[in-house]
Protein backbone atom coordinates (compact mmCIF):
# COMPACT_ATOMS: atom_id res chain seq x y z
CA MET A 1 -15.64 3.14 9.32
CA LEU A 2 -15.38 1.35 12.65
CA LEU A 3 -11.71 2.24 13.01
CA LYS A 4 -11.18 5.14 15.40
CA LYS A 5 -7.63 6.06 16.28
CA GLU A 6 -6.90 7.52 19.68
CA GLY A 7 -5.31 10.91 20.36
CA PHE A 8 -4.09 13.24 17.62
CA PRO A 9 -2.53 12.44 14.25
CA GLU A 10 1.15 13.17 13.63
CA GLU A 11 2.36 16.20 11.71
CA ASN A 12 2.75 15.39 7.98
CA GLU A 13 0.42 12.40 8.36
CA LEU A 14 -2.11 11.85 5.58
CA VAL A 15 -5.69 11.68 6.84
CA LEU A 16 -9.05 11.02 5.21
CA CYS A 17 -11.51 13.82 5.94
CA THR A 18 -15.14 14.71 5.31
CA VAL A 19 -15.92 18.34 4.51
CA THR A 20 -18.44 19.64 7.06
CA ALA A 21 -18.53 23.42 6.44
CA ILE A 22 -17.18 25.93 3.91
CA HIS A 23 -16.48 29.56 4.81
CA TYR A 24 -15.08 32.38 2.70
CA HIS A 25 -11.44 31.83 3.78
CA SER A 26 -11.50 28.33 5.27
CA VAL A 27 -12.86 24.81 5.08
CA PHE A 28 -13.81 22.76 8.12
CA VAL A 29 -13.57 18.98 8.02
CA ASN A 30 -13.95 15.92 10.19
CA LEU A 31 -10.96 13.57 10.40
CA ASP A 32 -12.72 10.25 9.79
CA GLU A 33 -10.15 8.04 11.52
CA TYR A 34 -9.73 10.22 14.60
CA GLY A 35 -13.20 11.64 15.15
CA LYS A 36 -11.74 15.15 15.44
CA SER A 37 -12.29 18.34 13.47
CA GLY A 38 -9.71 20.24 11.47
CA MET A 39 -9.40 23.34 9.31
CA ILE A 40 -7.98 24.01 5.84
CA HIS A 41 -7.11 27.66 5.22
CA ILE A 42 -7.93 28.89 1.72
CA SER A 43 -4.20 29.16 0.95
CA GLU A 44 -3.89 25.40 1.55
CA VAL A 45 -6.81 24.37 -0.63
CA SER A 46 -5.12 24.73 -4.03
CA PRO A 47 -2.05 26.41 -5.57
CA GLY A 48 -2.60 29.82 -7.10
CA ARG A 49 -5.38 32.32 -6.65
CA ILE A 50 -8.81 30.98 -5.64
CA ARG A 51 -11.84 33.01 -6.68
CA ASN A 52 -14.45 30.65 -5.30
CA ILE A 53 -13.46 28.05 -2.71
CA ARG A 54 -16.52 25.98 -3.62
CA ASP A 55 -14.96 25.22 -6.98
CA PHE A 56 -12.61 22.88 -5.10
CA VAL A 57 -14.60 21.48 -2.17
CA LYS A 58 -18.20 20.68 -1.30
CA GLU A 59 -19.94 19.72 1.94
CA GLY A 60 -19.92 15.96 2.42
CA LYS A 61 -16.99 15.42 0.05
CA LYS A 62 -14.21 13.04 1.10
CA VAL A 63 -10.72 14.55 0.79
CA VAL A 64 -7.21 13.41 1.67
CA CYS A 65 -5.29 16.04 3.62
CA LYS A 66 -1.84 16.46 5.11
CA VAL A 67 -1.54 17.45 8.77
CA LEU A 68 0.41 20.72 9.02
CA ARG A 69 0.18 21.73 12.68
CA ILE A 70 -1.51 20.47 15.83
CA HIS A 71 -2.49 22.82 18.65
CA ARG A 72 -3.10 20.24 21.38
CA ASP A 73 -3.96 22.84 24.03
CA LYS A 74 -6.81 24.20 21.88
CA GLY A 75 -7.58 20.93 20.09
CA HIS A 76 -7.07 22.58 16.70
CA ILE A 77 -5.65 20.75 13.67
CA ASP A 78 -4.40 22.68 10.62
CA LEU A 79 -4.57 20.76 7.37
CA SER A 80 -3.51 21.11 3.75
CA LEU A 81 -5.27 19.82 0.66
CA ARG A 82 -2.88 21.24 -1.94
CA ARG A 83 0.20 19.50 -0.48
CA VAL A 84 -1.17 16.04 -1.21
CA ASN A 85 -0.13 14.72 -4.63
CA GLU A 86 -2.11 12.21 -6.69
CA GLY A 87 0.14 9.31 -5.71
CA GLN A 88 -0.28 10.01 -2.00
CA LYS A 89 -4.02 10.45 -2.42
CA LYS A 90 -4.32 7.14 -4.25
CA GLU A 91 -2.24 5.34 -1.62
CA LYS A 92 -4.34 6.71 1.27
CA VAL A 93 -7.65 5.93 -0.43
CA ASN A 94 -6.41 2.39 -1.10
CA GLU A 95 -5.43 2.05 2.56
CA ILE A 96 -8.93 3.08 3.62
CA LYS A 97 -10.55 0.67 1.15
CA GLN A 98 -8.42 -2.17 2.50
CA GLU A 99 -9.46 -1.39 6.07
CA GLN A 100 -13.11 -1.24 5.01
CA LEU A 101 -12.68 -4.70 3.47
CA ALA A 102 -11.32 -5.98 6.79
CA GLU A 103 -14.29 -4.44 8.60
CA LYS A 104 -16.68 -6.11 6.12
CA ILE A 105 -15.12 -9.45 7.03
CA VAL A 106 -15.74 -8.77 10.72
CA GLU A 107 -19.33 -7.78 9.91
CA PHE A 108 -19.83 -11.02 7.93
CA VAL A 109 -18.53 -13.19 10.78
CA ALA A 110 -20.57 -11.22 13.33
CA LYS A 111 -23.74 -12.03 11.35
CA GLN A 112 -22.74 -15.68 11.19
CA ARG A 113 -22.36 -15.70 14.94
CA LYS A 114 -25.43 -13.51 15.48
CA GLU A 115 -23.33 -11.02 17.40
CA ASP A 116 -23.16 -7.23 17.36
CA THR A 117 -20.61 -6.12 14.75
CA LYS A 118 -19.25 -3.23 16.82
CA LYS A 119 -18.75 -5.40 19.89
CA LEU A 120 -16.94 -8.09 17.91
CA TYR A 121 -14.81 -5.44 16.21
CA GLU A 122 -13.84 -3.89 19.55
CA SER A 123 -12.91 -7.23 21.06
CA LEU A 124 -10.72 -8.03 18.03
CA ALA A 125 -9.16 -4.56 17.94
CA LYS A 126 -8.20 -4.78 21.61
CA LYS A 127 -5.93 -7.75 20.84
CA ILE A 128 -4.83 -7.02 17.28
CA PHE A 129 -3.94 -3.36 17.86
CA GLU A 130 -1.31 -4.41 20.38
CA LYS A 131 0.79 -5.44 17.38
CA TYR A 132 -0.85 -3.78 14.34
CA ASP A 133 -2.09 -0.25 13.60
CA SER A 134 -5.27 -1.55 11.95
CA LEU A 135 -7.08 -4.77 11.02
CA PHE A 136 -6.11 -5.16 7.37
CA PRO A 137 -2.32 -5.64 7.85
CA ALA A 138 -3.09 -8.34 10.43
CA PHE A 139 -5.60 -10.04 8.14
CA GLU A 140 -3.13 -9.83 5.25
CA ASP A 141 -0.47 -11.58 7.36
CA VAL A 142 -3.03 -14.25 8.28
CA SER A 143 -3.80 -14.76 4.57
CA ALA A 144 -0.07 -15.09 3.80
CA GLY A 145 0.46 -17.51 6.69
CA LYS A 146 2.69 -15.05 8.54
CA ALA A 147 0.40 -14.64 11.54
CA SER A 148 -2.26 -16.49 13.48
CA LEU A 149 -5.28 -14.79 15.05
CA GLU A 150 -5.27 -17.36 17.82
CA GLN A 151 -1.65 -16.48 18.65
CA LEU A 152 -2.72 -12.83 18.84
CA GLY A 153 -5.09 -13.81 21.61
CA ILE A 154 -8.34 -14.19 19.66
CA ASP A 155 -10.80 -16.88 20.73
CA PRO A 156 -10.02 -20.14 18.80
CA GLU A 157 -13.54 -20.51 17.40
CA ILE A 158 -13.67 -16.89 16.21
CA SER A 159 -10.12 -17.21 14.85
CA LYS A 160 -11.13 -20.20 12.74
CA GLN A 161 -14.22 -18.48 11.34
CA LEU A 162 -12.36 -15.27 10.55
CA SER A 163 -9.38 -17.07 9.00
CA GLU A 164 -11.66 -18.98 6.63
CA VAL A 165 -13.28 -15.77 5.37
CA ILE A 166 -9.93 -13.94 5.24
CA SER A 167 -8.43 -16.66 3.02
CA GLN A 168 -11.37 -16.24 0.62
CA ARG A 169 -11.42 -12.44 0.45
CA ILE A 170 -7.83 -11.29 0.95
CA LYS A 171 -5.05 -12.47 -1.30
CA PRO A 172 -1.43 -11.93 -0.18
CA SER A 173 0.20 -8.96 -1.92
CA GLU A 174 3.14 -9.69 -4.19
CA ILE A 175 6.56 -8.06 -4.00
CA GLU A 176 7.86 -6.92 -7.38
CA ILE A 177 11.47 -5.95 -8.06
CA GLY A 178 13.55 -5.64 -11.20
CA GLY A 179 15.47 -3.34 -13.49
CA GLU A 180 17.02 -3.04 -16.94
CA LEU A 181 19.33 -5.63 -18.45
CA LYS A 182 21.60 -4.79 -21.38
CA LEU A 183 23.02 -7.68 -23.41
CA GLU A 184 25.81 -7.17 -25.97
CA SER A 185 27.68 -9.60 -28.16
CA TYR A 186 30.00 -8.94 -31.08
CA GLU A 187 30.53 -12.61 -31.81
CA PRO A 188 29.43 -13.95 -35.22
CA ASP A 189 26.56 -15.83 -33.56
CA GLY A 190 25.80 -12.99 -31.12
CA ILE A 191 22.03 -13.09 -31.58
CA GLU A 192 21.92 -16.80 -30.78
CA ILE A 193 24.17 -16.26 -27.74
CA ILE A 194 21.75 -13.66 -26.37
CA LYS A 195 18.73 -15.88 -27.03
CA SER A 196 20.44 -18.80 -25.31
CA ALA A 197 21.38 -16.65 -22.31
CA VAL A 198 17.79 -15.57 -21.76
CA LYS A 199 16.52 -19.13 -22.18
CA LYS A 200 19.18 -20.57 -19.89
CA ALA A 201 18.20 -18.23 -17.04
CA GLY A 202 14.92 -20.09 -16.59
CA LYS A 203 11.48 -18.81 -15.64
CA LYS A 204 12.10 -17.18 -12.27
CA ALA A 205 11.78 -13.74 -13.85
CA GLU A 206 9.79 -12.02 -16.57
CA ILE A 207 11.92 -10.49 -19.30
CA MET A 208 10.64 -8.14 -22.01
CA TYR A 209 12.60 -6.68 -24.91
CA LYS A 210 12.67 -2.85 -25.01
CA GLY A 211 15.04 -2.30 -27.92
CA ALA A 212 18.74 -1.72 -28.67
CA GLY A 213 19.75 -4.79 -26.66
CA VAL A 214 17.93 -3.61 -23.53
CA TYR A 215 15.46 -5.77 -21.61
CA THR A 216 13.11 -5.07 -18.71
CA VAL A 217 13.38 -7.66 -15.96
CA ARG A 218 10.65 -8.27 -13.36
CA VAL A 219 10.55 -10.74 -10.47
CA LYS A 220 7.46 -11.31 -8.32
CA SER A 221 7.12 -13.15 -5.03
CA LEU A 222 5.17 -13.09 -1.78
CA GLU A 223 8.48 -12.76 0.10
CA TYR A 224 11.03 -10.00 -0.48
CA LYS A 225 13.97 -12.33 0.29
CA GLU A 226 12.65 -14.88 -2.18
CA ALA A 227 12.28 -12.18 -4.86
CA GLU A 228 15.86 -11.01 -4.25
CA LYS A 229 17.13 -14.58 -4.41
CA ASN A 230 15.35 -15.28 -7.69
CA LEU A 231 16.49 -12.01 -9.26
CA LYS A 232 20.12 -12.66 -8.28
CA HIS A 233 20.00 -16.19 -9.69
CA PHE A 234 18.48 -14.91 -12.93
CA ILE A 235 21.05 -12.14 -13.43
CA ASP A 236 24.04 -14.24 -12.33
CA THR A 237 23.08 -17.07 -14.70
CA ILE A 238 22.78 -14.71 -17.67
CA THR A 239 25.98 -12.82 -16.79
CA ASP A 240 28.04 -16.01 -16.39
CA PHE A 241 26.75 -17.41 -19.67
CA MET A 242 27.38 -14.19 -21.59
CA GLU A 243 30.92 -13.86 -20.23
CA SER A 244 31.67 -17.50 -21.09
CA ARG A 245 30.76 -16.61 -24.69
CA LYS A 246 32.97 -13.48 -24.75
CA SER A 247 29.89 -11.28 -24.50
CA LYS A 248 28.62 -8.73 -21.99
CA ALA A 249 25.69 -8.33 -19.61
CA GLU A 250 24.96 -5.21 -17.53
CA PHE A 251 22.09 -4.96 -15.05
CA ALA A 252 20.80 -1.69 -13.57
CA ARG A 253 18.50 -2.13 -10.59
CA GLU A 254 15.28 -0.11 -10.64
CA GLU A 255 15.07 2.23 -7.67
CA LYS A 256 11.70 2.76 -6.02
């Protein structure tokens, strides 16, 4: 990776590391993003008793760790492997993959321009990192039309070349919100009322039947406000229709 963060990480921060050495009671690693070394005590490698530490780690292996303590005066960083759950690990690995994609885009443009990749990266980082922590979030905003590289201070010609490649390789991430919708009707034509309510709400949301009058509702959009607006319209339309037919609609928002 070309990304190198300055200083020390924060306590509780998740960091990608490469195992460099394994001792009887400890594991030494390199923090890839910071260019610093850290240590994992055997008690922080895995829950429970460990008979052989090499059953869990190997030299050269990439691991996601949590920063426990930082001894700035000595330059020591204490890490934990066992305190990182699968969800956190997946999220961090995905973050790294996204940044590597951004770096590949810089490398591609550097070759087009017959320039040194590292020099181009450093010139971009100098401007972009004034507003962003890394390249990918900036490139993602460019792809979604939320930001302009030229406005961030990047040379117009380079901005144009990068933006063209970004639009091809990075697709804006969608926001997804929703919940559970319960529809009840004790009218003689209750089934038809429910069918009509769902149909009347339109296509701004996905609705799937779960059973016992309960539906899963999902709304996707590139903008959170737009997703909220569409979800509200969908639920309000169904609720108003159901109430006008002496029936009931209850929506429970999914918490994330």
